[in-house]
Amino acid sequence: LLTTTTSSPNPKHIAKLLKLRKVLENDPSIALECGIQPLSMRNMVRTLQQQSNSSDDSSLYDALCKTFVADLLPPKPQREALDALLKRCGIHPSSSSSKSRRNDDPFGISSSR
């Protein structure tokens, strides 16, 4: 199903997404701790489509952060728990995207107007 639905999925990304889904299904408390919903098949396919042209692991990380709306999660403890879960599944951010996207002002509204 996953290989026929997307244009050119990266087999490593498919394996990592399946591992993430299995972890979330086997222990629902992990999803609760991270503040996310378990990964549905539809969201897995959508995530693969978003990053199908890239073989870079950070693109998978970014696509999952979009899926989980991670920028709106509180930095502690939920965002840290999500980052730890993704790392446990072999999904890592690029060094620049993890620092620049994660901040205390997800809507871009700063006090310096």
Foldseek 3Di string as FASTA:
>chain_A
DLCVLADAFDPLLVQLLVVLLVVCVVDVVLCVLLVFDRQDPVLSSVLRNQCVVDPDLQSSVVSVCVVRVLLPDDVPPNSVSVQVSSVVSVRHHDPVCVVVCHDPCNPPDDPPD
